[in-house]
Amino acid sequence: MTTSSFAAGAYASMQGIGAGGLLKKPASVGTAGAAGMPDFSSLLGKALETTAQSARAADVQTASVAAGRSDIVDVVTAVAESEAAIETLVAVRDRVIAAYEEIMRMPV
């Protein structure tokens, strides 16, 4: 089970990653691949934004229950959705790092 400080730290991290411009592409790179599919950085950017939105929704639900306007079940659901989104994002990050390490081990 996550604590509120862990959730707040994860939310702050997601905000820093999305706002820090880490996913911005150079102007010369197009927004679509050769087959008309979106590129990896745009997909990753959308995943980050979706994760941040679910964290914001959990924050809104938490504030709403603290003010007595909402049910605790809504908060638990929003926090669980946010946690699942963060875990998915971390799993993707781990796979990207593993792929990079595998590429670096390849002989040139």
PDB file of N, CA and C in Angstrom:
ATOM      1  N   MET A   1       0.854  -1.180   0.000  1.00  0.00           N
ATOM      2  CA  MET A   1       0.000   0.000   0.000  1.00  0.00           C
ATOM      3  C   MET A   1       0.894   1.234   0.000  1.00  0.00           C
ATOM      4  N   THR A   2       0.522   2.225  -0.740  1.00  0.00           N
ATOM      5  CA  THR A   2       1.328   3.426  -0.821  1.00  0.00           C
ATOM      6  C   THR A   2       0.919   4.415   0.258  1.00  0.00           C
ATOM      7  N   THR A   3       1.879   5.214   0.659  1.00  0.00           N
ATOM      8  CA  THR A   3       1.592   6.265   1.626  1.00  0.00           C
ATOM      9  C   THR A   3       1.377   7.570   0.888  1.00  0.00           C
ATOM     10  N   SER A   4       0.828   8.543   1.589  1.00  0.00           N
ATOM     11  CA  SER A   4       0.555   9.821   0.932  1.00  0.00           C
ATOM     12  C   SER A   4       1.842  10.537   0.541  1.00  0.00           C
ATOM     13  N   SER A   5       2.917  10.370   1.333  1.00  0.00           N
ATOM     14  CA  SER A   5       4.179  11.021   0.967  1.00  0.00           C
ATOM     15  C   SER A   5       4.785  10.386  -0.281  1.00  0.00           C
ATOM     16  N   PHE A   6       4.635   9.061  -0.420  1.00  0.00           N
ATOM     17  CA  PHE A   6       5.120   8.390  -1.621  1.00  0.00           C
ATOM     18  C   PHE A   6       4.344   8.880  -2.845  1.00  0.00           C
ATOM     19  N   ALA A   7       3.025   8.969  -2.707  1.00  0.00           N
ATOM     20  CA  ALA A   7       2.202   9.428  -3.822  1.00  0.00           C
ATOM     21  C   ALA A   7       2.535  10.868  -4.188  1.00  0.00           C
ATOM     22  N   ALA A   8       2.759  11.703  -3.171  1.00  0.00           N
ATOM     23  CA  ALA A   8       3.108  13.095  -3.445  1.00  0.00           C
ATOM     24  C   ALA A   8       4.462  13.191  -4.143  1.00  0.00           C
ATOM     25  N   GLY A   9       5.409  12.362  -3.722  1.00  0.00           N
ATOM     26  CA  GLY A   9       6.722  12.357  -4.365  1.00  0.00           C
ATOM     27  C   GLY A   9       6.652  11.880  -5.800  1.00  0.00           C
ATOM     28  N   ALA A  10       5.848  10.843  -6.049  1.00  0.00           N
ATOM     29  CA  ALA A  10       5.685  10.340  -7.413  1.00  0.00           C
ATOM     30  C   ALA A  10       5.012  11.382  -8.297  1.00  0.00           C
ATOM     31  N   TYR A  11       4.014  12.051  -7.751  1.00  0.00           N
ATOM     32  CA  TYR A  11       3.326  13.103  -8.496  1.00  0.00           C
ATOM     33  C   TYR A  11       4.291  14.229  -8.844  1.00  0.00           C
ATOM     34  N   ALA A  12       5.105  14.637  -7.875  1.00  0.00           N
ATOM     35  CA  ALA A  12       6.073  15.710  -8.128  1.00  0.00           C
ATOM     36  C   ALA A  12       7.098  15.283  -9.168  1.00  0.00           C
ATOM     37  N   SER A  13       7.514  14.034  -9.122  1.00  0.00           N
ATOM     38  CA  SER A  13       8.470  13.533 -10.113  1.00  0.00           C
ATOM     39  C   SER A  13       7.879  13.560 -11.507  1.00  0.00           C
ATOM     40  N   MET A  14       6.622  13.135 -11.619  1.00  0.00           N
ATOM     41  CA  MET A  14       5.976  13.128 -12.926  1.00  0.00           C
ATOM     42  C   MET A  14       5.822  14.543 -13.463  1.00  0.00           C
ATOM     43  N   GLN A  15       5.503  15.474 -12.596  1.00  0.00           N
ATOM     44  CA  GLN A  15       5.377  16.861 -13.028  1.00  0.00           C
ATOM     45  C   GLN A  15       6.720  17.385 -13.510  1.00  0.00           C
ATOM     46  N   GLY A  16       7.796  17.030 -12.813  1.00  0.00           N
ATOM     47  CA  GLY A  16       9.127  17.490 -13.188  1.00  0.00           C
ATOM     48  C   GLY A  16       9.572  16.915 -14.519  1.00  0.00           C
ATOM     49  N   ILE A  17       9.247  15.658 -14.765  1.00  0.00           N
ATOM     50  CA  ILE A  17       9.641  15.022 -16.019  1.00  0.00           C
ATOM     51  C   ILE A  17       8.889  15.637 -17.183  1.00  0.00           C
ATOM     52  N   GLY A  18       7.575  15.801 -17.032  1.00  0.00           N
ATOM     53  CA  GLY A  18       6.774  16.343 -18.125  1.00  0.00           C
ATOM     54  C   GLY A  18       7.083  17.796 -18.402  1.00  0.00           C
ATOM     55  N   ALA A  19       7.316  18.576 -17.361  1.00  0.00           N
ATOM     56  CA  ALA A  19       7.546  20.003 -17.537  1.00  0.00           C
ATOM     57  C   ALA A  19       8.994  20.327 -17.862  1.00  0.00           C
ATOM     58  N   GLY A  20       9.896  19.402 -17.623  1.00  0.00           N
ATOM     59  CA  GLY A  20      11.313  19.660 -17.816  1.00  0.00           C
ATOM     60  C   GLY A  20      11.756  19.650 -19.258  1.00  0.00           C
ATOM     61  N   GLY A  21      10.887  19.290 -20.170  1.00  0.00           N
ATOM     62  CA  GLY A  21      11.242  19.288 -21.582  1.00  0.00           C
ATOM     63  C   GLY A  21      12.142  18.125 -21.956  1.00  0.00           C
ATOM     64  N   LEU A  22      12.122  17.040 -21.181  1.00  0.00           N
ATOM     65  CA  LEU A  22      12.983  15.912 -21.484  1.00  0.00           C
ATOM     66  C   LEU A  22      12.552  15.174 -22.738  1.00  0.00           C
ATOM     67  N   LEU A  23      11.303  15.338 -23.119  1.00  0.00           N
ATOM     68  CA  LEU A  23      10.800  14.602 -24.264  1.00  0.00           C
ATOM     69  C   LEU A  23      10.672  15.448 -25.514  1.00  0.00           C
ATOM     70  N   LYS A  24      11.144  16.671 -25.474  1.00  0.00           N
ATOM     71  CA  LYS A  24      11.035  17.536 -26.644  1.00  0.00           C
ATOM     72  C   LYS A  24      12.029  17.097 -27.701  1.00  0.00           C
ATOM     73  N   LYS A  25      11.548  17.097 -28.949  1.00  0.00           N
ATOM     74  CA  LYS A  25      12.381  16.688 -30.063  1.00  0.00           C
ATOM     75  C   LYS A  25      12.984  17.906 -30.738  1.00  0.00           C
ATOM     76  N   PRO A  26      14.082  17.711 -31.432  1.00  0.00           N
ATOM     77  CA  PRO A  26      14.613  18.802 -32.242  1.00  0.00           C
ATOM     78  C   PRO A  26      13.614  19.163 -33.337  1.00  0.00           C
ATOM     79  N   ALA A  27      13.684  20.389 -33.827  1.00  0.00           N
ATOM     80  CA  ALA A  27      12.735  20.879 -34.824  1.00  0.00           C
ATOM     81  C   ALA A  27      12.827  20.109 -36.134  1.00  0.00           C
ATOM     82  N   SER A  28      13.967  19.505 -36.443  1.00  0.00           N
ATOM     83  CA  SER A  28      14.141  18.818 -37.712  1.00  0.00           C
ATOM     84  C   SER A  28      13.499  17.441 -37.736  1.00  0.00           C
ATOM     85  N   VAL A  29      13.114  16.900 -36.577  1.00  0.00           N
ATOM     86  CA  VAL A  29      12.535  15.567 -36.524  1.00  0.00           C
ATOM     87  C   VAL A  29      11.029  15.675 -36.715  1.00  0.00           C
ATOM     88  N   GLY A  30      10.479  14.851 -37.607  1.00  0.00           N
ATOM     89  CA  GLY A  30       9.046  14.878 -37.866  1.00  0.00           C
ATOM     90  C   GLY A  30       8.253  14.254 -36.727  1.00  0.00           C
ATOM     91  N   THR A  31       6.934  14.410 -36.770  1.00  0.00           N
ATOM     92  CA  THR A  31       6.088  13.864 -35.710  1.00  0.00           C
ATOM     93  C   THR A  31       5.576  12.478 -36.024  1.00  0.00           C
ATOM     94  N   ALA A  32       5.793  11.987 -37.232  1.00  0.00           N
ATOM     95  CA  ALA A  32       5.321  10.653 -37.580  1.00  0.00           C
ATOM     96  C   ALA A  32       6.455   9.865 -38.216  1.00  0.00           C
ATOM     97  N   GLY A  33       6.390   8.560 -38.042  1.00  0.00           N
ATOM     98  CA  GLY A  33       7.395   7.689 -38.622  1.00  0.00           C
ATOM     99  C   GLY A  33       7.146   7.475 -40.102  1.00  0.00           C
ATOM    100  N   ALA A  34       7.901   6.577 -40.696  1.00  0.00           N
ATOM    101  CA  ALA A  34       7.805   6.333 -42.123  1.00  0.00           C
ATOM    102  C   ALA A  34       6.455   5.734 -42.506  1.00  0.00           C
ATOM    103  N   ALA A  35       5.849   4.951 -41.625  1.00  0.00           N
ATOM    104  CA  ALA A  35       4.577   4.305 -41.937  1.00  0.00           C
ATOM    105  C   ALA A  35       3.380   5.111 -41.447  1.00  0.00           C
ATOM    106  N   GLY A  36       3.597   6.353 -41.030  1.00  0.00           N
ATOM    107  CA  GLY A  36       2.505   7.173 -40.542  1.00  0.00           C
ATOM    108  C   GLY A  36       2.168   6.910 -39.077  1.00  0.00           C
ATOM    109  N   MET A  37       2.966   6.120 -38.413  1.00  0.00           N
ATOM    110  CA  MET A  37       2.740   5.816 -37.006  1.00  0.00           C
ATOM    111  C   MET A  37       3.418   6.874 -36.148  1.00  0.00           C
ATOM    112  N   PRO A  38       2.870   7.170 -34.955  1.00  0.00           N
ATOM    113  CA  PRO A  38       3.526   8.142 -34.078  1.00  0.00           C
ATOM    114  C   PRO A  38       4.863   7.605 -33.584  1.00  0.00           C
ATOM    115  N   ASP A  39       5.802   8.507 -33.360  1.00  0.00           N
ATOM    116  CA  ASP A  39       7.114   8.069 -32.912  1.00  0.00           C
ATOM    117  C   ASP A  39       7.096   7.759 -31.410  1.00  0.00           C
ATOM    118  N   PHE A  40       8.156   7.133 -30.951  1.00  0.00           N
ATOM    119  CA  PHE A  40       8.237   6.655 -29.575  1.00  0.00           C
ATOM    120  C   PHE A  40       8.167   7.790 -28.567  1.00  0.00           C
ATOM    121  N   SER A  41       8.808   8.907 -28.862  1.00  0.00           N
ATOM    122  CA  SER A  41       8.813  10.005 -27.899  1.00  0.00           C
ATOM    123  C   SER A  41       7.423  10.603 -27.709  1.00  0.00           C
ATOM    124  N   SER A  42       6.623  10.651 -28.772  1.00  0.00           N
ATOM    125  CA  SER A  42       5.263  11.170 -28.600  1.00  0.00           C
ATOM    126  C   SER A  42       4.400  10.189 -27.822  1.00  0.00           C
ATOM    127  N   LEU A  43       4.585   8.900 -28.051  1.00  0.00           N
ATOM    128  CA  LEU A  43       3.860   7.898 -27.265  1.00  0.00           C
ATOM    129  C   LEU A  43       4.245   7.968 -25.799  1.00  0.00           C
ATOM    130  N   LEU A  44       5.523   8.134 -25.540  1.00  0.00           N
ATOM    131  CA  LEU A  44       5.997   8.235 -24.167  1.00  0.00           C
ATOM    132  C   LEU A  44       5.491   9.512 -23.509  1.00  0.00           C
ATOM    133  N   GLY A  45       5.463  10.593 -24.259  1.00  0.00           N
ATOM    134  CA  GLY A  45       4.931  11.847 -23.739  1.00  0.00           C
ATOM    135  C   GLY A  45       3.461  11.743 -23.368  1.00  0.00           C
ATOM    136  N   LYS A  46       2.687  11.053 -24.213  1.00  0.00           N
ATOM    137  CA  LYS A  46       1.274  10.847 -23.914  1.00  0.00           C
ATOM    138  C   LYS A  46       1.095   9.986 -22.673  1.00  0.00           C
ATOM    139  N   ALA A  47       1.942   8.970 -22.526  1.00  0.00           N
ATOM    140  CA  ALA A  47       1.866   8.112 -21.339  1.00  0.00           C
ATOM    141  C   ALA A  47       2.194   8.905 -20.077  1.00  0.00           C
ATOM    142  N   LEU A  48       3.186   9.780 -20.162  1.00  0.00           N
ATOM    143  CA  LEU A  48       3.519  10.627 -19.014  1.00  0.00           C
ATOM    144  C   LEU A  48       2.371  11.557 -18.656  1.00  0.00           C
ATOM    145  N   GLU A  49       1.757  12.145 -19.656  1.00  0.00           N
ATOM    146  CA  GLU A  49       0.642  13.054 -19.403  1.00  0.00           C
ATOM    147  C   GLU A  49      -0.551  12.314 -18.805  1.00  0.00           C
ATOM    148  N   THR A  50      -0.829  11.118 -19.301  1.00  0.00           N
ATOM    149  CA  THR A  50      -1.927  10.323 -18.764  1.00  0.00           C
ATOM    150  C   THR A  50      -1.668   9.954 -17.310  1.00  0.00           C
ATOM    151  N   THR A  51      -0.429   9.592 -17.004  1.00  0.00           N
ATOM    152  CA  THR A  51      -0.067   9.259 -15.632  1.00  0.00           C
ATOM    153  C   THR A  51      -0.204  10.481 -14.731  1.00  0.00           C
ATOM    154  N   ALA A  52       0.230  11.623 -15.213  1.00  0.00           N
ATOM    155  CA  ALA A  52       0.102  12.849 -14.418  1.00  0.00           C
ATOM    156  C   ALA A  52      -1.366  13.216 -14.207  1.00  0.00           C
ATOM    157  N   GLN A  53      -2.200  13.008 -15.228  1.00  0.00           N
ATOM    158  CA  GLN A  53      -3.621  13.297 -15.089  1.00  0.00           C
ATOM    159  C   GLN A  53      -4.282  12.388 -14.061  1.00  0.00           C
ATOM    160  N   SER A  54      -3.897  11.118 -14.041  1.00  0.00           N
ATOM    161  CA  SER A  54      -4.485  10.214 -13.048  1.00  0.00           C
ATOM    162  C   SER A  54      -4.034  10.593 -11.641  1.00  0.00           C
ATOM    163  N   ALA A  55      -2.800  11.089 -11.511  1.00  0.00           N
ATOM    164  CA  ALA A  55      -2.334  11.559 -10.196  1.00  0.00           C
ATOM    165  C   ALA A  55      -3.103  12.811  -9.771  1.00  0.00           C
ATOM    166  N   ARG A  56      -3.350  13.708 -10.722  1.00  0.00           N
ATOM    167  CA  ARG A  56      -4.142  14.900 -10.397  1.00  0.00           C
ATOM    168  C   ARG A  56      -5.570  14.532  -9.987  1.00  0.00           C
ATOM    169  N   ALA A  57      -6.150  13.542 -10.663  1.00  0.00           N
ATOM    170  CA  ALA A  57      -7.500  13.095 -10.312  1.00  0.00           C
ATOM    171  C   ALA A  57      -7.523  12.513  -8.904  1.00  0.00           C
ATOM    172  N   ALA A  58      -6.481  11.779  -8.536  1.00  0.00           N
ATOM    173  CA  ALA A  58      -6.399  11.242  -7.172  1.00  0.00           C
ATOM    174  C   ALA A  58      -6.276  12.373  -6.166  1.00  0.00           C
ATOM    175  N   ASP A  59      -5.520  13.409  -6.495  1.00  0.00           N
ATOM    176  CA  ASP A  59      -5.400  14.568  -5.604  1.00  0.00           C
ATOM    177  C   ASP A  59      -6.739  15.273  -5.420  1.00  0.00           C
ATOM    178  N   VAL A  60      -7.474  15.420  -6.519  1.00  0.00           N
ATOM    179  CA  VAL A  60      -8.782  16.082  -6.446  1.00  0.00           C
ATOM    180  C   VAL A  60      -9.738  15.259  -5.584  1.00  0.00           C
ATOM    181  N   GLN A  61      -9.729  13.956  -5.771  1.00  0.00           N
ATOM    182  CA  GLN A  61     -10.601  13.094  -4.971  1.00  0.00           C
ATOM    183  C   GLN A  61     -10.223  13.138  -3.493  1.00  0.00           C
ATOM    184  N   THR A  62      -8.919  13.185  -3.208  1.00  0.00           N
ATOM    185  CA  THR A  62      -8.466  13.262  -1.821  1.00  0.00           C
ATOM    186  C   THR A  62      -8.917  14.559  -1.170  1.00  0.00           C
ATOM    187  N   ALA A  63      -8.782  15.663  -1.893  1.00  0.00           N
ATOM    188  CA  ALA A  63      -9.230  16.947  -1.355  1.00  0.00           C
ATOM    189  C   ALA A  63     -10.742  16.965  -1.177  1.00  0.00           C
ATOM    190  N   SER A  64     -11.443  16.323  -2.085  1.00  0.00           N
ATOM    191  CA  SER A  64     -12.899  16.281  -2.008  1.00  0.00           C
ATOM    192  C   SER A  64     -13.370  15.486  -0.798  1.00  0.00           C
ATOM    193  N   VAL A  65     -12.719  14.372  -0.512  1.00  0.00           N
ATOM    194  CA  VAL A  65     -13.113  13.578   0.661  1.00  0.00           C
ATOM    195  C   VAL A  65     -12.716  14.287   1.946  1.00  0.00           C
ATOM    196  N   ALA A  66     -11.630  15.032   1.913  1.00  0.00           N
ATOM    197  CA  ALA A  66     -11.224  15.783   3.103  1.00  0.00           C
ATOM    198  C   ALA A  66     -12.226  16.888   3.414  1.00  0.00           C
ATOM    199  N   ALA A  67     -12.836  17.434   2.367  1.00  0.00           N
ATOM    200  CA  ALA A  67     -13.836  18.481   2.561  1.00  0.00           C
ATOM    201  C   ALA A  67     -15.219  17.898   2.848  1.00  0.00           C
ATOM    202  N   GLY A  68     -15.352  16.578   2.787  1.00  0.00           N
ATOM    203  CA  GLY A  68     -16.625  15.939   3.081  1.00  0.00           C
ATOM    204  C   GLY A  68     -17.589  15.905   1.923  1.00  0.00           C
ATOM    205  N   ARG A  69     -17.102  16.117   0.698  1.00  0.00           N
ATOM    206  CA  ARG A  69     -17.977  16.154  -0.475  1.00  0.00           C
ATOM    207  C   ARG A  69     -17.964  14.858  -1.267  1.00  0.00           C
ATOM    208  N   SER A  70     -17.149  13.891  -0.873  1.00  0.00           N
ATOM    209  CA  SER A  70     -17.007  12.686  -1.672  1.00  0.00           C
ATOM    210  C   SER A  70     -16.895  11.467  -0.760  1.00  0.00           C
ATOM    211  N   ASP A  71     -16.957  10.304  -1.372  1.00  0.00           N
ATOM    212  CA  ASP A  71     -16.867   9.048  -0.645  1.00  0.00           C
ATOM    213  C   ASP A  71     -15.429   8.531  -0.695  1.00  0.00           C
ATOM    214  N   ILE A  72     -15.030   7.815   0.329  1.00  0.00           N
ATOM    215  CA  ILE A  72     -13.667   7.277   0.410  1.00  0.00           C
ATOM    216  C   ILE A  72     -13.408   6.244  -0.687  1.00  0.00           C
ATOM    217  N   VAL A  73     -14.450   5.577  -1.171  1.00  0.00           N
ATOM    218  CA  VAL A  73     -14.299   4.591  -2.237  1.00  0.00           C
ATOM    219  C   VAL A  73     -13.770   5.255  -3.507  1.00  0.00           C
ATOM    220  N   ASP A  74     -14.236   6.480  -3.776  1.00  0.00           N
ATOM    221  CA  ASP A  74     -13.754   7.214  -4.950  1.00  0.00           C
ATOM    222  C   ASP A  74     -12.264   7.525  -4.831  1.00  0.00           C
ATOM    223  N   VAL A  75     -11.835   7.846  -3.620  1.00  0.00           N
ATOM    224  CA  VAL A  75     -10.407   8.136  -3.401  1.00  0.00           C
ATOM    225  C   VAL A  75      -9.578   6.885  -3.604  1.00  0.00           C
ATOM    226  N   VAL A  76     -10.007   5.784  -3.044  1.00  0.00           N
ATOM    227  CA  VAL A  76      -9.266   4.528  -3.180  1.00  0.00           C
ATOM    228  C   VAL A  76      -9.177   4.118  -4.651  1.00  0.00           C
ATOM    229  N   THR A  77     -10.260   4.285  -5.373  1.00  0.00           N
ATOM    230  CA  THR A  77     -10.252   3.950  -6.799  1.00  0.00           C
ATOM    231  C   THR A  77      -9.290   4.848  -7.573  1.00  0.00           C
ATOM    232  N   ALA A  78      -9.332   6.147  -7.317  1.00  0.00           N
ATOM    233  CA  ALA A  78      -8.450   7.079  -8.020  1.00  0.00           C
ATOM    234  C   ALA A  78      -6.983   6.821  -7.692  1.00  0.00           C
ATOM    235  N   VAL A  79      -6.683   6.533  -6.432  1.00  0.00           N
ATOM    236  CA  VAL A  79      -5.298   6.256  -6.041  1.00  0.00           C
ATOM    237  C   VAL A  79      -4.824   4.938  -6.666  1.00  0.00           C
ATOM    238  N   ALA A  80      -5.701   3.934  -6.717  1.00  0.00           N
ATOM    239  CA  ALA A  80      -5.325   2.658  -7.337  1.00  0.00           C
ATOM    240  C   ALA A  80      -5.055   2.828  -8.828  1.00  0.00           C
ATOM    241  N   GLU A  81      -5.867   3.633  -9.501  1.00  0.00           N
ATOM    242  CA  GLU A  81      -5.626   3.900 -10.927  1.00  0.00           C
ATOM    243  C   GLU A  81      -4.307   4.628 -11.126  1.00  0.00           C
ATOM    244  N   SER A  82      -4.031   5.585 -10.267  1.00  0.00           N
ATOM    245  CA  SER A  82      -2.777   6.326 -10.356  1.00  0.00           C
ATOM    246  C   SER A  82      -1.584   5.407 -10.101  1.00  0.00           C
ATOM    247  N   GLU A  83      -1.707   4.552  -9.117  1.00  0.00           N
ATOM    248  CA  GLU A  83      -0.627   3.617  -8.802  1.00  0.00           C
ATOM    249  C   GLU A  83      -0.374   2.659  -9.959  1.00  0.00           C
ATOM    250  N   ALA A  84      -1.442   2.165 -10.582  1.00  0.00           N
ATOM    251  CA  ALA A  84      -1.288   1.270 -11.729  1.00  0.00           C
ATOM    252  C   ALA A  84      -0.613   1.982 -12.898  1.00  0.00           C
ATOM    253  N   ALA A  85      -0.963   3.238 -13.124  1.00  0.00           N
ATOM    254  CA  ALA A  85      -0.343   4.002 -14.211  1.00  0.00           C
ATOM    255  C   ALA A  85       1.145   4.218 -13.949  1.00  0.00           C
ATOM    256  N   ILE A  86       1.486   4.519 -12.713  1.00  0.00           N
ATOM    257  CA  ILE A  86       2.899   4.724 -12.375  1.00  0.00           C
ATOM    258  C   ILE A  86       3.677   3.423 -12.505  1.00  0.00           C
ATOM    259  N   GLU A  87       3.094   2.315 -12.036  1.00  0.00           N
ATOM    260  CA  GLU A  87       3.774   1.021 -12.151  1.00  0.00           C
ATOM    261  C   GLU A  87       3.974   0.638 -13.615  1.00  0.00           C
ATOM    262  N   THR A  88       2.998   0.920 -14.460  1.00  0.00           N
ATOM    263  CA  THR A  88       3.134   0.634 -15.884  1.00  0.00           C
ATOM    264  C   THR A  88       4.240   1.475 -16.501  1.00  0.00           C
ATOM    265  N   LEU A  89       4.279   2.743 -16.140  1.00  0.00           N
ATOM    266  CA  LEU A  89       5.311   3.633 -16.665  1.00  0.00           C
ATOM    267  C   LEU A  89       6.706   3.187 -16.213  1.00  0.00           C
ATOM    268  N   VAL A  90       6.826   2.747 -14.979  1.00  0.00           N
ATOM    269  CA  VAL A  90       8.109   2.263 -14.477  1.00  0.00           C
ATOM    270  C   VAL A  90       8.513   0.977 -15.202  1.00  0.00           C
ATOM    271  N   ALA A  91       7.547   0.101 -15.483  1.00  0.00           N
ATOM    272  CA  ALA A  91       7.852  -1.131 -16.206  1.00  0.00           C
ATOM    273  C   ALA A  91       8.346  -0.825 -17.623  1.00  0.00           C
ATOM    274  N   VAL A  92       7.719   0.146 -18.281  1.00  0.00           N
ATOM    275  CA  VAL A  92       8.176   0.543 -19.621  1.00  0.00           C
ATOM    276  C   VAL A  92       9.578   1.122 -19.541  1.00  0.00           C
ATOM    277  N   ARG A  93       9.833   1.962 -18.540  1.00  0.00           N
ATOM    278  CA  ARG A  93      11.163   2.537 -18.369  1.00  0.00           C
ATOM    279  C   ARG A  93      12.206   1.439 -18.181  1.00  0.00           C
ATOM    280  N   ASP A  94      11.883   0.442 -17.372  1.00  0.00           N
ATOM    281  CA  ASP A  94      12.819  -0.658 -17.139  1.00  0.00           C
ATOM    282  C   ASP A  94      13.105  -1.435 -18.418  1.00  0.00           C
ATOM    283  N   ARG A  95      12.075  -1.638 -19.241  1.00  0.00           N
ATOM    284  CA  ARG A  95      12.280  -2.356 -20.499  1.00  0.00           C
ATOM    285  C   ARG A  95      13.125  -1.541 -21.477  1.00  0.00           C
ATOM    286  N   VAL A  96      12.934  -0.235 -21.502  1.00  0.00           N
ATOM    287  CA  VAL A  96      13.736   0.630 -22.378  1.00  0.00           C
ATOM    288  C   VAL A  96      15.193   0.594 -21.943  1.00  0.00           C
ATOM    289  N   ILE A  97      15.432   0.659 -20.654  1.00  0.00           N
ATOM    290  CA  ILE A  97      16.804   0.600 -20.146  1.00  0.00           C
ATOM    291  C   ILE A  97      17.439  -0.752 -20.458  1.00  0.00           C
ATOM    292  N   ALA A  98      16.683  -1.831 -20.299  1.00  0.00           N
ATOM    293  CA  ALA A  98      17.212  -3.164 -20.617  1.00  0.00           C
ATOM    294  C   ALA A  98      17.539  -3.277 -22.105  1.00  0.00           C
ATOM    295  N   ALA A  99      16.689  -2.714 -22.963  1.00  0.00           N
ATOM    296  CA  ALA A  99      16.960  -2.745 -24.402  1.00  0.00           C
ATOM    297  C   ALA A  99      18.204  -1.934 -24.741  1.00  0.00           C
ATOM    298  N   TYR A 100      18.346  -0.781 -24.100  1.00  0.00           N
ATOM    299  CA  TYR A 100      19.538   0.044 -24.328  1.00  0.00           C
ATOM    300  C   TYR A 100      20.798  -0.702 -23.897  1.00  0.00           C
ATOM    301  N   GLU A 101      20.744  -1.334 -22.741  1.00  0.00           N
ATOM    302  CA  GLU A 101      21.910  -2.090 -22.268  1.00  0.00           C
ATOM    303  C   GLU A 101      22.242  -3.247 -23.209  1.00  0.00           C
ATOM    304  N   GLU A 102      21.221  -3.903 -23.758  1.00  0.00           N
ATOM    305  CA  GLU A 102      21.442  -4.982 -24.715  1.00  0.00           C
ATOM    306  C   GLU A 102      22.096  -4.456 -25.985  1.00  0.00           C
ATOM    307  N   ILE A 103      21.651  -3.318 -26.466  1.00  0.00           N
ATOM    308  CA  ILE A 103      22.254  -2.707 -27.660  1.00  0.00           C
ATOM    309  C   ILE A 103      23.709  -2.348 -27.396  1.00  0.00           C
ATOM    310  N   MET A 104      23.990  -1.842 -26.209  1.00  0.00           N
ATOM    311  CA  MET A 104      25.362  -1.439 -25.887  1.00  0.00           C
ATOM    312  C   MET A 104      26.299  -2.643 -25.787  1.00  0.00           C
ATOM    313  N   ARG A 105      25.758  -3.833 -25.513  1.00  0.00           N
ATOM    314  CA  ARG A 105      26.585  -5.031 -25.441  1.00  0.00           C
ATOM    315  C   ARG A 105      26.871  -5.649 -26.814  1.00  0.00           C
ATOM    316  N   MET A 106      26.164  -5.201 -27.832  1.00  0.00           N
ATOM    317  CA  MET A 106      26.349  -5.749 -29.178  1.00  0.00           C
ATOM    318  C   MET A 106      27.698  -5.339 -29.748  1.00  0.00           C
ATOM    319  N   PRO A 107      28.369  -6.283 -30.405  1.00  0.00           N
ATOM    320  CA  PRO A 107      29.642  -5.898 -31.051  1.00  0.00           C
ATOM    321  C   PRO A 107      29.389  -5.010 -32.261  1.00  0.00           C
ATOM    322  N   VAL A 108      30.318  -4.096 -32.480  1.00  0.00           N
ATOM    323  CA  VAL A 108      30.155  -3.163 -33.599  1.00  0.00           C
ATOM    324  C   VAL A 108      30.785  -3.700 -34.835  1.00  0.00           C
TER     325      VAL A 108
END
